[in-house]
N, C-alpha and C. Protein backbone atom coordinates (compact mmCIF):
# COMPACT_ATOMS: atom_id res chain seq x y z
N UNK A 1 -29.26 0.85 -10.58
CA UNK A 1 -28.78 -0.12 -9.74
C UNK A 1 -27.17 -0.47 -10.03
N UNK A 2 -26.41 -0.29 -9.20
CA UNK A 2 -24.91 -0.84 -9.41
C UNK A 2 -24.52 -1.86 -9.22
N UNK A 3 -23.53 -2.47 -9.94
CA UNK A 3 -22.95 -3.91 -9.38
C UNK A 3 -21.59 -3.90 -9.03
N UNK A 4 -21.06 -2.47 -9.08
CA UNK A 4 -19.58 -2.53 -8.29
C UNK A 4 -18.60 -2.27 -9.48
N UNK A 5 -19.33 -2.16 -10.74
CA UNK A 5 -18.32 -2.18 -11.77
C UNK A 5 -17.62 -1.18 -12.08
N UNK A 6 -17.93 0.31 -11.34
CA UNK A 6 -17.15 1.29 -11.47
C UNK A 6 -16.29 1.63 -10.14
N UNK A 7 -16.65 0.39 -9.13
CA UNK A 7 -15.15 0.65 -8.39
C UNK A 7 -13.76 0.18 -8.37
N UNK A 8 -12.82 0.95 -8.04
CA UNK A 8 -11.57 0.41 -8.45
C UNK A 8 -11.58 -1.14 -7.64
N UNK A 9 -10.61 -1.86 -8.62
CA UNK A 9 -10.40 -3.08 -7.84
C UNK A 9 -9.12 -2.78 -7.12
N UNK A 10 -9.64 -3.12 -5.72
CA UNK A 10 -8.34 -3.29 -4.98
C UNK A 10 -7.02 -3.97 -5.08
N UNK A 11 -5.83 -3.37 -4.66
CA UNK A 11 -4.41 -3.81 -5.02
C UNK A 11 -3.78 -3.76 -6.71
N UNK A 12 -4.93 -3.12 -7.36
CA UNK A 12 -4.43 -2.82 -8.67
C UNK A 12 -4.08 -1.59 -8.92
N UNK A 13 -2.71 -0.74 -9.07
CA UNK A 13 -2.29 0.05 -9.10
C UNK A 13 -2.92 0.96 -10.27
N UNK A 14 -2.97 2.31 -9.85
CA UNK A 14 -3.70 3.21 -10.94
C UNK A 14 -2.75 3.40 -11.86
N UNK A 15 -3.14 4.04 -13.37
CA UNK A 15 -1.68 4.37 -14.11
C UNK A 15 -0.81 5.45 -13.44
N UNK A 16 -1.28 6.33 -12.78
CA UNK A 16 -0.41 7.19 -12.40
C UNK A 16 0.75 6.55 -11.27
N UNK A 17 0.22 5.56 -10.60
CA UNK A 17 1.16 4.73 -9.76
C UNK A 17 1.98 4.05 -10.32
N UNK A 18 1.76 3.00 -11.54
CA UNK A 18 2.50 2.61 -12.19
C UNK A 18 3.58 3.49 -12.91
N UNK A 19 3.42 4.45 -13.45
CA UNK A 19 4.43 5.59 -13.98
C UNK A 19 5.18 5.73 -12.88
N UNK A 20 4.49 6.16 -11.43
CA UNK A 20 5.60 6.55 -10.35
C UNK A 20 6.42 5.41 -10.45
N UNK A 21 5.85 4.30 -10.10
CA UNK A 21 7.05 3.17 -10.01
C UNK A 21 7.78 3.04 -11.13
N UNK A 22 7.78 3.36 -12.06
CA UNK A 22 8.52 3.17 -13.40
C UNK A 22 9.51 4.04 -13.24
N UNK A 23 9.15 5.20 -13.04
CA UNK A 23 10.04 6.16 -12.63
C UNK A 23 10.91 6.12 -11.83
N UNK A 24 10.63 5.78 -10.34
CA UNK A 24 11.69 5.41 -9.47
C UNK A 24 12.54 4.46 -9.73
N UNK A 25 12.19 3.28 -10.42
CA UNK A 25 13.12 2.19 -11.08
C UNK A 25 14.19 2.73 -11.73
N UNK A 26 13.86 3.44 -12.75
CA UNK A 26 14.24 4.02 -14.00
C UNK A 26 15.32 4.90 -13.20
N UNK A 27 15.35 5.74 -12.34
CA UNK A 27 16.21 6.47 -11.43
C UNK A 27 17.16 5.83 -10.69
N UNK A 28 16.71 4.76 -9.94
CA UNK A 28 17.56 3.59 -9.27
C UNK A 28 18.52 3.05 -10.37
N UNK A 29 17.91 2.70 -11.48
CA UNK A 29 18.70 1.89 -12.18
C UNK A 29 19.95 2.74 -12.74
N UNK A 30 19.74 3.91 -12.96
CA UNK A 30 20.52 4.83 -13.85
C UNK A 30 21.76 5.18 -12.46
N UNK A 31 21.45 5.24 -11.47
CA UNK A 31 21.95 5.50 -10.29
C UNK A 31 22.86 4.50 -9.94
N UNK A 32 22.67 3.29 -10.18
CA UNK A 32 23.31 1.91 -10.30
C UNK A 32 24.39 2.09 -11.26
N UNK A 33 23.94 2.30 -12.44
CA UNK A 33 24.58 2.47 -13.58
C UNK A 33 25.87 3.37 -13.39
N UNK A 34 25.35 4.65 -13.16
CA UNK A 34 26.49 5.47 -12.54
C UNK A 34 27.51 5.09 -11.78
N UNK A 35 26.93 4.50 -10.56
CA UNK A 35 27.93 4.03 -9.34
C UNK A 35 29.10 2.91 -10.22
N UNK A 36 28.52 2.23 -10.91
CA UNK A 36 29.20 1.05 -11.74
C UNK A 36 30.52 1.54 -12.65
N UNK A 37 30.16 2.79 -12.62
CA UNK A 37 31.25 3.55 -13.83
C UNK A 37 30.78 3.65 -15.37
N UNK A 38 29.33 3.63 -15.58
CA UNK A 38 28.82 3.68 -16.66
C UNK A 38 29.13 2.75 -17.68
N UNK A 39 29.27 1.23 -17.39
CA UNK A 39 29.50 0.34 -18.17
C UNK A 39 28.29 -0.10 -19.42
N UNK A 40 28.68 -0.37 -20.48
CA UNK A 40 27.69 -0.70 -21.40
C UNK A 40 27.02 -2.28 -21.36
N UNK A 41 26.00 -2.24 -21.58
CA UNK A 41 25.30 -3.87 -21.82
C UNK A 41 24.87 -4.25 -20.32
N UNK A 42 24.83 -3.35 -19.44
CA UNK A 42 24.30 -4.04 -17.89
C UNK A 42 23.02 -3.26 -17.58
N UNK A 43 22.25 -2.55 -18.67
CA UNK A 43 20.96 -1.92 -18.34
C UNK A 43 19.73 -2.83 -17.71
N UNK A 44 19.77 -4.04 -18.25
CA UNK A 44 18.45 -4.94 -17.91
C UNK A 44 19.02 -5.51 -16.33
N UNK A 45 20.24 -5.62 -16.13
CA UNK A 45 20.56 -6.36 -14.74
C UNK A 45 20.27 -4.82 -13.91
N UNK A 46 20.70 -3.84 -14.34
CA UNK A 46 20.38 -2.69 -13.16
C UNK A 46 18.95 -2.42 -12.71
N UNK A 47 18.29 -2.49 -14.34
CA UNK A 47 16.77 -2.49 -14.23
C UNK A 47 16.45 -3.22 -12.98
N UNK A 48 16.54 -4.58 -13.26
CA UNK A 48 16.15 -5.64 -12.21
C UNK A 48 16.46 -5.60 -10.81
N UNK A 49 17.59 -5.25 -10.60
CA UNK A 49 17.89 -4.78 -9.28
C UNK A 49 17.54 -3.66 -8.69
N UNK A 50 17.26 -2.86 -9.47
CA UNK A 50 16.64 -1.47 -8.92
C UNK A 50 15.16 -2.13 -8.37
N UNK A 51 14.29 -2.57 -9.38
CA UNK A 51 13.15 -2.98 -9.19
C UNK A 51 13.07 -3.86 -7.78
N UNK A 52 14.02 -4.97 -7.59
CA UNK A 52 13.82 -5.87 -6.55
C UNK A 52 14.50 -5.06 -5.15
N UNK A 53 15.03 -3.63 -5.14
CA UNK A 53 15.49 -3.17 -4.25
C UNK A 53 14.31 -2.08 -3.81
N UNK A 54 13.32 -1.95 -4.61
CA UNK A 54 12.06 -0.92 -4.49
C UNK A 54 11.31 -2.11 -3.91
N UNK A 55 11.01 -3.05 -4.56
CA UNK A 55 10.21 -4.27 -3.94
C UNK A 55 10.42 -4.15 -2.51
N UNK A 56 11.63 -4.67 -2.30
CA UNK A 56 12.12 -4.82 -0.83
C UNK A 56 11.99 -3.74 0.04
N UNK A 57 11.73 -2.40 -0.04
CA UNK A 57 11.61 -1.37 0.21
C UNK A 57 9.95 -1.30 0.83
N UNK A 58 9.21 -1.62 0.00
CA UNK A 58 7.89 -1.41 -0.06
C UNK A 58 7.41 -2.82 0.84
N UNK A 59 7.95 -3.98 0.93
CA UNK A 59 7.44 -4.80 1.81
C UNK A 59 8.14 -4.76 3.27
N UNK A 60 8.90 -3.89 3.23
CA UNK A 60 9.58 -3.37 4.65
C UNK A 60 8.31 -2.65 5.39
């Protein structure tokens, strides 16, 4: 008798999907950092901007 506990929850990304998303953000943040001349101390800003940009693309 199954109670559905083995089913994947909808809208919950798998480990592989989370890792892929993180890699996409990492690359986008790196490219932003390079485009700005590789300044020090802007890593969090670049990360969040890359994350927001990815989220915007997904929503479209």
